[in-house]
Protein backbone atom coordinates (compact mmCIF):
# COMPACT_ATOMS: atom_id res chain seq x y z
CA MET A 1 101.51 103.58 132.05
CA LEU A 2 99.93 104.67 128.80
CA LYS A 3 99.94 108.44 129.12
CA ARG A 4 97.00 110.45 127.88
CA THR A 5 99.00 112.68 125.60
CA ASN A 6 99.15 113.23 121.88
CA GLU A 7 102.25 111.02 121.82
CA TYR A 8 99.98 108.03 122.11
CA VAL A 9 96.50 108.71 120.75
CA MET A 10 95.44 111.13 118.04
CA THR A 11 91.89 111.90 117.04
CA THR A 12 88.98 113.48 115.17
CA GLU A 13 87.74 116.99 115.91
CA ASN A 14 84.30 115.78 116.99
CA ARG A 15 84.17 114.94 120.68
CA ASP A 16 80.42 114.14 120.59
CA CYS A 17 80.72 110.41 120.97
CA ALA A 18 78.17 107.66 120.70
CA GLU A 19 76.77 106.36 123.94
CA GLN A 20 78.43 103.33 125.45
CA PRO A 21 77.10 99.83 124.69
CA THR A 22 74.64 98.44 127.17
CA GLU A 23 74.61 94.85 128.33
CA SER A 24 72.18 93.96 125.54
CA GLN A 25 74.45 95.39 122.87
CA THR A 26 77.46 93.82 121.20
CA PRO A 27 80.67 94.42 123.17
CA CYS A 28 83.24 96.75 121.66
CA CYS A 29 85.96 95.21 119.48
CA PRO A 30 85.12 91.47 119.87
CA GLY A 31 88.12 89.18 119.93
CA ALA A 32 88.68 85.65 118.81
CA GLY A 33 86.26 84.31 121.38
CA SER A 34 83.37 86.53 120.32
CA ALA A 35 80.21 84.84 119.14
CA GLU A 36 79.74 87.62 116.61
CA PRO A 37 83.11 88.50 115.04
CA ALA A 38 81.34 90.58 112.40
CA ALA A 39 80.55 93.10 115.10
CA ALA A 40 84.02 94.52 114.59
CA ALA A 41 82.61 96.35 111.59
CA SER A 42 80.91 98.72 113.97
CA CYS A 43 82.37 98.78 117.44
CA CYS A 44 80.13 101.56 118.69
CA PRO A 45 76.33 101.42 118.65
CA PRO A 46 74.58 103.81 116.24
CA PRO A 47 74.49 107.35 117.67
CA ALA A 48 71.19 109.03 118.29
CA ASP A 49 72.25 111.81 115.96
CA ALA A 50 73.00 110.37 112.53
CA ASN A 51 75.54 113.12 111.92
CA ALA A 52 77.49 112.46 115.11
CA ALA A 53 80.85 110.72 114.84
CA CYS A 54 81.15 107.19 116.20
CA CYS A 55 83.95 107.35 118.74
CA PRO A 56 84.38 106.22 122.34
CA GLU A 57 83.57 108.33 125.36
CA LYS A 58 86.78 108.61 127.34
CA PRO A 59 86.43 109.85 130.92
CA GLY A 60 89.18 112.22 131.93
CA ASP A 61 90.00 113.46 128.45
CA VAL A 62 91.72 116.82 128.37
CA PRO A 63 91.41 119.65 125.83
CA GLY A 64 93.39 118.97 122.67
CA PHE A 65 93.11 115.20 123.11
CA ARG A 66 91.78 113.86 119.79
CA ILE A 67 90.64 110.28 119.18
CA TRP A 68 90.87 108.59 115.79
CA PRO A 69 87.62 106.96 114.58
CA PHE A 70 89.38 103.58 114.52
CA VAL A 71 89.70 103.67 118.33
CA CYS A 72 86.62 101.87 119.62
CA GLY A 73 87.32 101.42 123.32
CA TRP A 74 89.88 101.19 126.11
CA GLN A 75 91.32 98.09 127.72
CA LYS A 76 92.52 98.21 131.31
CA THR A 77 95.92 96.57 131.72
CA PRO A 78 98.63 96.37 134.40
CA VAL A 79 100.44 99.20 132.59
CA GLY A 80 97.39 101.44 132.19
CA GLU A 81 94.57 101.84 129.71
CA VAL A 82 95.35 100.84 126.13
CA PRO A 83 93.22 102.01 123.17
CA GLN A 84 91.38 99.26 121.35
CA VAL A 85 91.15 99.55 117.57
CA LYS A 86 88.73 98.24 114.97
CA SER A 87 89.76 95.64 112.42
CA THR A 88 87.37 96.97 109.78
CA LEU A 89 88.32 99.89 107.56
CA GLU A 90 85.68 102.58 107.30
CA ARG A 91 84.94 105.18 104.64
CA CYS A 92 87.45 107.68 106.02
CA ASP A 93 90.17 105.00 105.98
CA ILE A 94 89.41 104.08 102.37
CA LEU A 95 89.40 107.74 101.37
CA GLY A 96 92.73 108.21 103.13
CA ARG A 97 94.19 105.22 101.29
CA TRP A 98 93.05 106.72 97.97
CA GLN A 99 94.70 110.03 98.89
CA MET A 100 97.96 108.26 99.71
CA ARG A 101 97.91 106.43 96.37
CA TRP A 102 97.83 109.84 94.74
CA GLY A 103 100.49 111.22 97.10
CA LEU A 104 98.18 113.80 98.67
CA GLY A 105 99.44 114.70 102.16
CA ARG A 106 101.53 111.56 102.21
CA MET A 107 104.05 112.76 104.81
CA ARG A 108 101.29 113.80 107.21
CA TYR A 109 99.33 110.53 107.19
CA THR A 110 100.53 109.33 110.56
CA ILE A 111 99.17 107.97 113.82
CA ALA A 112 100.72 108.37 117.23
CA PRO A 113 103.34 105.76 118.16
CA GLY A 114 102.63 103.59 121.17
CA LEU A 115 100.70 100.51 122.22
CA TYR A 116 97.30 99.53 120.79
CA ALA A 117 95.04 96.51 121.29
CA ILE A 118 92.92 94.69 118.75
CA GLY A 119 90.23 92.46 120.21
CA THR A 120 90.79 91.78 123.91
CA PRO A 121 94.39 90.54 124.16
CA GLY A 122 95.79 89.05 127.34
CA PRO A 123 99.29 88.22 128.63
CA GLY A 124 99.71 85.46 126.05
CA ALA A 125 98.61 87.48 123.02
CA PRO A 126 101.20 88.15 120.28
CA VAL A 127 102.88 91.55 119.98
CA LEU A 128 102.98 92.80 116.39
CA VAL A 129 105.27 95.69 115.49
CA SER A 130 104.22 98.25 112.88
CA ALA A 131 105.10 101.71 111.56
CA ASN A 132 103.20 104.88 112.39
CA TYR A 133 102.42 105.44 108.71
CA LYS A 134 98.64 104.99 108.83
CA LEU A 135 98.49 103.01 105.60
CA SER A 136 100.81 100.40 107.15
CA PHE A 137 98.82 100.41 110.38
CA ASP A 138 95.53 100.01 108.48
CA ALA A 139 96.88 97.08 106.49
CA LEU A 140 97.87 95.36 109.73
CA ARG A 141 94.68 95.90 111.73
CA SER A 142 92.41 95.04 108.78
CA ALA A 143 94.15 91.66 108.50
CA LEU A 144 93.54 90.80 112.17
CA GLY A 145 89.76 90.41 112.33
CA GLY A 146 88.83 87.91 115.06
CA ILE A 147 92.37 87.87 116.50
CA ASP A 148 93.39 89.19 119.93
CA ALA A 149 96.76 90.93 119.67
CA TRP A 150 98.87 93.83 120.84
CA ILE A 151 100.10 96.27 118.21
CA LEU A 152 103.26 98.18 119.02
CA VAL A 153 103.50 101.18 116.71
CA ILE A 154 106.97 102.68 116.47
CA ASP A 155 107.86 106.15 115.23
CA THR A 156 109.06 105.88 111.62
CA LYS A 157 108.37 109.57 110.89
CA GLY A 158 105.34 108.62 108.83
CA ILE A 159 107.24 106.28 106.48
CA ASN A 160 106.13 102.76 105.57
CA VAL A 161 107.95 99.73 107.00
CA TRP A 162 110.10 98.84 103.99
CA CYS A 163 111.27 102.37 103.20
CA ALA A 164 111.71 103.20 106.89
CA ALA A 165 113.92 100.13 107.34
CA GLY A 166 116.14 101.39 104.53
CA LYS A 167 116.23 104.92 105.95
CA GLY A 168 116.91 103.72 109.50
CA THR A 169 113.71 104.97 111.16
CA PHE A 170 112.30 101.45 111.44
CA GLY A 171 115.24 100.23 113.43
CA THR A 172 116.66 98.53 116.46
CA GLU A 173 116.91 101.51 118.77
CA GLU A 174 113.35 102.69 118.13
CA ILE A 175 111.92 99.22 118.77
CA VAL A 176 113.86 98.90 122.03
CA HIS A 177 112.75 102.38 123.06
CA ARG A 178 109.05 101.66 122.41
CA VAL A 179 109.13 98.25 124.11
CA ASN A 180 110.59 99.78 127.24
CA LEU A 181 108.30 102.81 127.12
CA ALA A 182 105.21 100.59 126.80
CA ARG A 183 106.48 98.34 129.65
CA LEU A 184 105.74 95.26 127.61
CA ASP A 185 107.63 93.05 130.05
CA GLU A 186 104.90 93.82 132.61
CA LEU A 187 102.07 93.32 130.10
CA VAL A 188 102.81 90.00 128.38
CA ALA A 189 104.01 86.68 129.72
CA HIS A 190 106.17 85.87 126.68
CA ARG A 191 109.21 87.70 125.32
CA THR A 192 108.55 87.68 121.58
CA LEU A 193 108.02 90.45 119.03
CA VAL A 194 106.66 89.79 115.55
CA VAL A 195 108.42 92.23 113.23
CA PRO A 196 107.45 92.58 109.55
CA GLN A 197 109.89 90.79 107.26
CA LEU A 198 110.29 93.94 105.15
CA GLY A 199 111.56 95.71 108.27
CA ALA A 200 114.45 93.24 108.68
CA PRO A 201 117.11 95.43 106.94
CA GLY A 202 116.81 97.99 109.74
CA VAL A 203 116.62 95.60 112.71
CA ALA A 204 119.42 93.76 114.48
CA ALA A 205 117.55 91.01 116.36
CA HIS A 206 120.40 90.28 118.78
CA LYS A 207 120.61 93.95 119.78
CA VAL A 208 116.85 94.09 120.35
CA LYS A 209 117.17 91.04 122.63
CA LYS A 210 120.01 92.69 124.52
CA GLY A 211 118.25 96.06 124.77
CA CYS A 212 114.81 94.98 125.99
CA GLY A 213 114.86 91.22 126.52
CA PHE A 214 112.48 90.44 123.65
CA LYS A 215 113.23 87.97 120.87
CA VAL A 216 112.48 89.07 117.31
CA ILE A 217 110.55 86.78 114.98
CA TYR A 218 110.11 88.00 111.44
CA GLY A 219 106.55 87.77 110.22
CA PRO A 220 105.36 87.34 106.63
CA VAL A 221 105.86 89.87 103.84
CA ARG A 222 102.13 90.59 103.59
CA ALA A 223 99.93 91.47 106.55
CA SER A 224 97.14 89.38 105.02
CA ASP A 225 99.19 86.24 105.75
CA LEU A 226 99.46 86.99 109.49
CA PRO A 227 96.40 84.95 110.58
CA ALA A 228 97.82 81.82 108.92
CA PHE A 229 101.31 82.64 110.25
CA LEU A 230 100.03 82.89 113.83
CA LYS A 231 97.92 79.75 113.46
CA LEU A 232 101.04 77.84 112.38
CA GLY A 233 102.80 78.82 115.61
CA MET A 234 104.66 81.73 114.03
CA LYS A 235 106.05 79.56 111.27
CA ALA A 236 106.12 81.00 107.76
CA ARG A 237 105.34 79.02 104.63
CA PRO A 238 107.68 79.70 101.67
CA TYR A 239 105.05 81.80 99.90
CA MET A 240 104.84 84.07 102.95
CA ARG A 241 108.50 85.00 102.50
CA ARG A 242 108.20 85.79 98.80
CA VAL A 243 107.91 89.41 97.65
CA THR A 244 105.56 89.76 94.69
CA PHE A 245 105.28 92.63 92.24
CA THR A 246 102.25 91.81 90.14
CA THR A 247 100.69 93.96 87.42
CA LYS A 248 98.03 95.13 89.87
CA GLU A 249 100.63 95.99 92.52
CA ARG A 250 102.64 97.98 89.98
CA LEU A 251 99.60 99.74 88.57
CA VAL A 252 98.52 100.85 92.06
CA LEU A 253 101.79 102.76 92.42
CA THR A 254 101.50 104.76 89.19
CA PRO A 255 99.19 107.56 90.43
CA VAL A 256 101.77 108.80 92.93
CA GLU A 257 104.33 108.95 90.12
CA LEU A 258 102.01 111.22 88.14
CA THR A 259 101.21 113.37 91.16
CA GLY A 260 104.90 113.80 91.93
CA MET A 261 105.41 115.32 88.47
CA TRP A 262 102.55 117.83 88.45
CA LYS A 263 104.54 120.91 89.49
CA ILE A 264 107.33 120.42 86.99
CA SER A 265 104.74 119.46 84.36
CA LEU A 266 102.95 122.79 84.76
CA TRP A 267 106.21 124.69 84.23
CA VAL A 268 107.16 122.51 81.25
CA MET A 269 103.79 123.03 79.58
CA LEU A 270 103.91 126.77 80.18
CA ALA A 271 107.42 126.92 78.68
CA LEU A 272 106.30 124.92 75.64
CA MET A 273 103.38 127.27 75.06
CA VAL A 274 105.63 130.32 75.20
CA LEU A 275 108.37 128.80 73.06
CA GLY A 276 105.78 127.56 70.60
CA GLY A 277 104.88 131.16 69.78
CA ILE A 278 108.44 132.01 68.68
CA GLY A 279 108.92 132.05 64.91
CA GLU A 280 109.56 134.14 61.82
CA ASN A 281 107.23 136.87 63.10
CA VAL A 282 109.14 136.95 66.41
CA PHE A 283 106.08 135.88 68.39
CA SER A 284 102.68 134.65 67.23
CA LEU A 285 99.67 133.93 69.44
CA SER A 286 98.27 131.51 66.88
CA ALA A 287 101.55 129.57 66.95
CA VAL A 288 101.28 129.31 70.73
CA PHE A 289 98.44 126.86 70.17
CA SER A 290 99.33 125.41 66.75
CA ARG A 291 102.90 124.54 67.82
CA GLY A 292 102.77 124.67 71.61
CA GLY A 293 99.69 122.41 71.81
CA PRO A 294 101.28 119.47 69.91
CA ALA A 295 104.49 119.91 71.93
CA ILE A 296 102.51 119.57 75.16
CA ALA A 297 100.83 116.46 73.74
CA VAL A 298 104.27 114.95 73.07
CA TYR A 299 105.38 115.75 76.64
CA LEU A 300 102.23 114.21 78.15
CA SER A 301 102.68 111.14 75.95
CA GLY A 302 106.21 110.75 77.30
CA LEU A 303 104.91 111.16 80.85
CA LEU A 304 102.27 108.49 80.25
CA ALA A 305 104.78 106.14 78.64
CA GLY A 306 107.30 106.46 81.46
CA ALA A 307 105.10 106.75 84.55
CA VAL A 308 102.25 104.40 83.61
CA LEU A 309 102.98 102.13 80.64
CA THR A 310 106.54 101.23 81.64
CA PRO A 311 105.66 100.20 85.24
CA THR A 312 102.60 98.29 84.04
CA LEU A 313 104.50 96.39 81.32
CA LEU A 314 107.76 96.20 83.28
CA PRO A 315 108.46 92.42 83.10
CA TRP A 316 107.80 92.25 79.36
CA ILE A 317 109.91 95.23 78.25
CA PRO A 318 113.42 94.13 77.20
CA GLY A 319 116.42 95.41 79.13
CA ARG A 320 117.36 95.72 82.77
CA ALA A 321 117.80 99.46 83.29
CA PHE A 322 114.60 101.38 83.93
CA ALA A 323 115.87 104.30 81.86
CA ALA A 324 116.33 101.99 78.88
CA LYS A 325 112.90 100.41 79.39
CA GLY A 326 111.26 103.84 79.48
CA ALA A 327 113.16 105.02 76.39
CA LEU A 328 112.05 101.94 74.49
CA THR A 329 108.42 102.41 75.53
CA GLY A 330 108.59 106.06 74.51
CA ALA A 331 110.12 105.18 71.15
CA VAL A 332 107.39 102.63 70.45
CA LEU A 333 104.76 105.24 71.31
CA ALA A 334 106.50 107.83 69.09
CA LEU A 335 106.51 105.61 65.99
CA PRO A 336 102.78 105.81 65.15
CA LEU A 337 102.87 109.58 65.76
CA LEU A 338 105.75 109.95 63.33
CA PHE A 339 104.08 107.82 60.67
CA GLY A 340 100.73 109.53 61.09
CA LEU A 341 101.83 113.13 61.47
CA GLY A 342 105.25 113.14 59.80
CA GLU A 343 104.28 115.05 56.68
CA SER A 344 102.38 117.76 58.55
CA LEU A 345 105.04 118.19 61.22
CA GLY A 346 108.05 118.58 58.98
CA PRO A 347 111.52 117.07 59.40
CA PHE A 348 112.70 119.23 62.30
CA SER A 349 109.57 118.69 64.39
CA CYS A 350 109.73 114.96 63.63
CA ALA A 351 113.32 114.87 64.88
CA ALA A 352 112.25 116.73 68.02
CA LEU A 353 109.44 114.25 68.66
CA ALA A 354 111.69 111.24 68.07
CA LEU A 355 114.22 112.54 70.60
CA ALA A 356 112.08 114.23 73.25
CA LEU A 357 109.33 111.67 73.77
CA PRO A 358 111.67 108.72 74.57
CA ALA A 359 113.82 111.03 76.75
CA VAL A 360 110.85 112.15 78.85
CA ALA A 361 109.60 108.57 79.12
CA SER A 362 113.07 107.39 80.13
CA TYR A 363 113.34 109.97 82.91
CA CYS A 364 109.86 109.22 84.29
CA ALA A 365 110.47 105.46 84.20
CA MET A 366 113.71 105.91 86.11
CA ASN A 367 111.73 107.51 88.95
CA PHE A 368 109.96 104.17 89.45
CA THR A 369 113.13 102.44 90.66
CA GLY A 370 112.34 103.40 94.25
CA SER A 371 109.03 101.54 94.08
CA THR A 372 110.43 98.20 92.97
CA SER A 373 111.65 95.17 94.84
CA TYR A 374 114.74 94.49 92.74
CA THR A 375 116.86 97.63 92.63
CA SER A 376 119.72 98.75 94.85
CA PRO A 377 120.85 102.28 95.78
CA SER A 378 124.23 101.75 94.12
CA GLY A 379 122.63 100.37 90.96
CA VAL A 380 120.18 103.26 90.76
CA GLU A 381 122.97 105.80 91.28
CA LYS A 382 125.04 104.22 88.51
CA GLU A 383 122.05 104.20 86.15
CA MET A 384 121.28 107.86 86.87
CA ARG A 385 124.88 108.95 86.24
CA LEU A 386 124.72 107.34 82.82
CA ALA A 387 121.13 108.10 81.82
CA ILE A 388 120.52 111.70 82.93
CA PRO A 389 123.19 113.26 80.65
CA LEU A 390 121.79 111.30 77.69
CA GLN A 391 118.22 112.30 78.55
CA GLY A 392 119.24 115.93 78.89
CA ALA A 393 121.14 115.91 75.60
CA ALA A 394 118.18 114.36 73.78
CA VAL A 395 115.80 117.00 75.14
CA VAL A 396 118.16 119.89 74.30
CA ILE A 397 118.83 118.69 70.75
CA GLY A 398 115.15 117.94 70.22
CA GLY A 399 114.22 121.38 71.55
CA ILE A 400 116.68 123.12 69.22
CA ALA A 401 115.34 121.15 66.24
CA TRP A 402 111.77 122.05 67.19
CA LEU A 403 112.56 125.77 67.50
CA TRP A 404 114.55 125.72 64.25
CA GLY A 405 111.56 124.26 62.44
CA ALA A 406 109.56 127.42 63.17
CA PHE A 407 111.85 129.54 60.99
């Protein structure tokens, strides 16, 4: 039975829910057979109070039981009541996605693991497995408009499917555990689970079959291809198996790279301001800005080159190693600065710029290896062992040259 505990359903603070639909109103969460599939955009009728949250009234709720806004109803099943979810993303979902792109509260953006329903699934409806990282769950449910399906959310500790498969949290044992806990064998007539293809590295299909009696079929790479995949009888076209990494997909990942550097960036900029004031007069406040300011600009240019320009231009930058790609991008960005400001900077400051900017860009670009589809842990480790000493040496030598130029 689906227990009414926080293990299964989490929620908003507002318990003032909209009134239930009447017979003349559109039913909650229409499925494939609905005459008005667009009704999924608003499962609940408009509340009398415009400021009230739209969420379902759930008889028997207990204190501390919170319901997410995407839960729009409850479906009675042989194993208990299962929360029905909307297929349309609302403003709070879009805001949450924006926050995740910037890495704000990323490890806390989770939903409760357990069984969910989209539409009004029956015994023959497919069972789709997902992670409890809400961004993954949102991508899945938003792709299933007009489809009746069961969604089995497993506990990946708030990590997306691909990364969780590599870390072991999207794995065989957790899938078996959730299937048995949800009593799927009593709910559906078939014995098939659709697991995301990107979760395959963490799943041993034969062990899942042995552990819970369900066969694993790997779905497409992208959730948006699921409707076509299901329509084809769970057969994937070649394009559904192909992992893409387009310019747009790379650019979307760059904000989190910048956000991940903000703490160290603050300390670096503070150090540059302080060191910029050191000179012939021991310490000068005017030099803090006249020398520290340009140094900060060089650091930020390296950050931009490594964390934004390198990922965006990745396929067109020569070389294979990310550290080398970042260094090259940083060097190209440093050239116009050297030509334009060389005379005013002096030889030592020019040497510092030529060394530090590519080094910073190289380090930031190397951080992007974890976001790509064509790196391996061993390859990344080998690259880091080689690149980090060189990056460190370039920064140290550049820093010494910059400080020497003040005397």
